């Protein structure tokens, strides 16, 4: 099942791996998120481009983020380095202030 419209990603710690997305190229992909499938990190200039994914960028706009590629490239490079060293990567989703 893909994500359900209007659902927020649950709080928790999730393994992420590099994935060659047909639409976005090599991006981080969350694994084993309840009720979500193919939840990626990628750039999105507008919120309607997310479809359940996580937008990354240097600047928050009124409806998304901007200057996405440098941030995404840095995350992918850090993950690639970790994977090359045999380390796993995780992302923790939590409420602001926790």
C-alpha atoms as a PDB file:
ATOM      1  CA  UNK A   1       0.000   0.000   0.000  1.00  0.00           C
ATOM      2  CA  UNK A   2       1.221   3.496  -0.782  1.00  0.00           C
ATOM      3  CA  UNK A   3       0.629   6.301   1.723  1.00  0.00           C
ATOM      4  CA  UNK A   4      -2.914   7.348   2.441  1.00  0.00           C
ATOM      5  CA  UNK A   5      -3.760  10.934   1.504  1.00  0.00           C
ATOM      6  CA  UNK A   6      -3.755  13.240   4.493  1.00  0.00           C
ATOM      7  CA  UNK A   7      -1.837  10.840   6.738  1.00  0.00           C
ATOM      8  CA  UNK A   8       1.227  12.048   8.562  1.00  0.00           C
ATOM      9  CA  UNK A   9       4.251   9.816   8.785  1.00  0.00           C
ATOM     10  CA  UNK A  10       4.295   8.171  12.224  1.00  0.00           C
ATOM     11  CA  UNK A  11       6.821   9.130  14.858  1.00  0.00           C
ATOM     12  CA  UNK A  12       9.733   6.756  15.252  1.00  0.00           C
ATOM     13  CA  UNK A  13      13.191   5.740  14.111  1.00  0.00           C
ATOM     14  CA  UNK A  14      13.363   4.318  10.603  1.00  0.00           C
ATOM     15  CA  UNK A  15      16.147   2.786   8.569  1.00  0.00           C
ATOM     16  CA  UNK A  16      16.885   4.655   5.349  1.00  0.00           C
ATOM     17  CA  UNK A  17      18.730   3.342   2.309  1.00  0.00           C
ATOM     18  CA  UNK A  18      19.776   4.836  -1.009  1.00  0.00           C
ATOM     19  CA  UNK A  19      17.238   4.071  -3.704  1.00  0.00           C
ATOM     20  CA  UNK A  20      17.273   4.799  -7.433  1.00  0.00           C
ATOM     21  CA  UNK A  21      13.872   6.448  -7.793  1.00  0.00           C
ATOM     22  CA  UNK A  22      12.466   6.427 -11.342  1.00  0.00           C
ATOM     23  CA  UNK A  23      11.345  10.027 -10.850  1.00  0.00           C
ATOM     24  CA  UNK A  24      14.040  11.595  -8.625  1.00  0.00           C
ATOM     25  CA  UNK A  25      17.257   9.612  -9.192  1.00  0.00           C
ATOM     26  CA  UNK A  26      19.252   8.342  -6.215  1.00  0.00           C
ATOM     27  CA  UNK A  27      17.510   9.447  -3.016  1.00  0.00           C
ATOM     28  CA  UNK A  28      17.150   8.252   0.575  1.00  0.00           C
ATOM     29  CA  UNK A  29      14.203   5.870   1.048  1.00  0.00           C
ATOM     30  CA  UNK A  30      12.527   5.065   4.372  1.00  0.00           C
ATOM     31  CA  UNK A  31      12.041   1.347   5.098  1.00  0.00           C
ATOM     32  CA  UNK A  32       9.255  -0.336   7.061  1.00  0.00           C
ATOM     33  CA  UNK A  33       7.123   2.729   7.796  1.00  0.00           C
ATOM     34  CA  UNK A  34       3.649   1.540   8.810  1.00  0.00           C
ATOM     35  CA  UNK A  35       1.054   2.360   6.115  1.00  0.00           C
ATOM     36  CA  UNK A  36       3.673   4.016   3.878  1.00  0.00           C
ATOM     37  CA  UNK A  37       5.649   2.667   0.942  1.00  0.00           C
ATOM     38  CA  UNK A  38       8.319   4.401  -1.141  1.00  0.00           C
ATOM     39  CA  UNK A  39       8.622   7.383   1.172  1.00  0.00           C
ATOM     40  CA  UNK A  40      11.644   9.268  -0.161  1.00  0.00           C
ATOM     41  CA  UNK A  41      13.645  12.391   0.600  1.00  0.00           C
ATOM     42  CA  UNK A  42      13.621  14.666  -2.450  1.00  0.00           C
ATOM     43  CA  UNK A  43      13.289  18.279  -3.489  1.00  0.00           C
ATOM     44  CA  UNK A  44       9.825  19.774  -3.830  1.00  0.00           C
ATOM     45  CA  UNK A  45       9.148  23.352  -4.753  1.00  0.00           C
ATOM     46  CA  UNK A  46       5.480  22.958  -3.782  1.00  0.00           C
ATOM     47  CA  UNK A  47       3.763  20.852  -1.129  1.00  0.00           C
ATOM     48  CA  UNK A  48       1.562  19.148  -3.760  1.00  0.00           C
ATOM     49  CA  UNK A  49       4.727  17.531  -5.207  1.00  0.00           C
ATOM     50  CA  UNK A  50       5.429  15.526  -2.059  1.00  0.00           C
ATOM     51  CA  UNK A  51       2.819  12.752  -2.138  1.00  0.00           C
ATOM     52  CA  UNK A  52       3.880  11.487   1.296  1.00  0.00           C
ATOM     53  CA  UNK A  53       7.604  12.131   0.913  1.00  0.00           C
ATOM     54  CA  UNK A  54       9.991  14.370   2.828  1.00  0.00           C
ATOM     55  CA  UNK A  55      11.091  17.582   1.111  1.00  0.00           C
ATOM     56  CA  UNK A  56      14.633  18.826   1.698  1.00  0.00           C
ATOM     57  CA  UNK A  57      15.990  22.260   0.854  1.00  0.00           C
ATOM     58  CA  UNK A  58      17.952  25.232   2.156  1.00  0.00           C
ATOM     59  CA  UNK A  59      15.019  27.649   2.211  1.00  0.00           C
ATOM     60  CA  UNK A  60      11.466  27.123   3.418  1.00  0.00           C
ATOM     61  CA  UNK A  61       8.883  28.805   1.210  1.00  0.00           C
ATOM     62  CA  UNK A  62       5.191  29.435   1.799  1.00  0.00           C
ATOM     63  CA  UNK A  63       4.358  26.164  -0.004  1.00  0.00           C
ATOM     64  CA  UNK A  64       7.453  23.958   0.004  1.00  0.00           C
ATOM     65  CA  UNK A  65      11.231  24.366  -0.034  1.00  0.00           C
ATOM     66  CA  UNK A  66      13.792  25.864  -2.393  1.00  0.00           C
ATOM     67  CA  UNK A  67      17.469  25.281  -3.207  1.00  0.00           C
ATOM     68  CA  UNK A  68      16.908  21.540  -2.877  1.00  0.00           C
ATOM     69  CA  UNK A  69      19.713  19.905  -4.839  1.00  0.00           C
ATOM     70  CA  UNK A  70      22.672  20.940  -2.617  1.00  0.00           C
ATOM     71  CA  UNK A  71      20.906  19.557   0.465  1.00  0.00           C
ATOM     72  CA  UNK A  72      19.848  16.335  -1.220  1.00  0.00           C
ATOM     73  CA  UNK A  73      23.326  15.802  -2.697  1.00  0.00           C
ATOM     74  CA  UNK A  74      24.910  16.257   0.728  1.00  0.00           C
ATOM     75  CA  UNK A  75      22.555  13.766   2.383  1.00  0.00           C
ATOM     76  CA  UNK A  76      23.140  11.213  -0.405  1.00  0.00           C
ATOM     77  CA  UNK A  77      26.941  11.681  -0.147  1.00  0.00           C
ATOM     78  CA  UNK A  78      26.894  11.184   3.640  1.00  0.00           C
ATOM     79  CA  UNK A  79      24.741   8.081   3.293  1.00  0.00           C
ATOM     80  CA  UNK A  80      26.959   6.685   0.539  1.00  0.00           C
ATOM     81  CA  UNK A  81      30.025   7.183   2.729  1.00  0.00           C
ATOM     82  CA  UNK A  82      28.323   5.421   5.656  1.00  0.00           C
ATOM     83  CA  UNK A  83      27.173   2.543   3.443  1.00  0.00           C
ATOM     84  CA  UNK A  84      30.692   2.215   1.970  1.00  0.00           C
ATOM     85  CA  UNK A  85      31.958   1.794   5.551  1.00  0.00           C
ATOM     86  CA  UNK A  86      29.316  -0.860   6.261  1.00  0.00           C
ATOM     87  CA  UNK A  87      27.232   1.379   8.518  1.00  0.00           C
ATOM     88  CA  UNK A  88      23.440   1.630   8.394  1.00  0.00           C
ATOM     89  CA  UNK A  89      21.571   4.936   8.256  1.00  0.00           C
ATOM     90  CA  UNK A  90      18.492   5.911  10.268  1.00  0.00           C
ATOM     91  CA  UNK A  91      16.177   8.890  10.475  1.00  0.00           C
ATOM     92  CA  UNK A  92      14.179   9.787  13.574  1.00  0.00           C
ATOM     93  CA  UNK A  93      10.799  11.442  13.104  1.00  0.00           C
ATOM     94  CA  UNK A  94       9.713  13.360  16.172  1.00  0.00           C
ATOM     95  CA  UNK A  95       7.632  16.356  17.186  1.00  0.00           C
ATOM     96  CA  UNK A  96       9.317  19.742  17.313  1.00  0.00           C
ATOM     97  CA  UNK A  97      10.862  20.392  20.695  1.00  0.00           C
ATOM     98  CA  UNK A  98      11.216  16.724  21.689  1.00  0.00           C
END
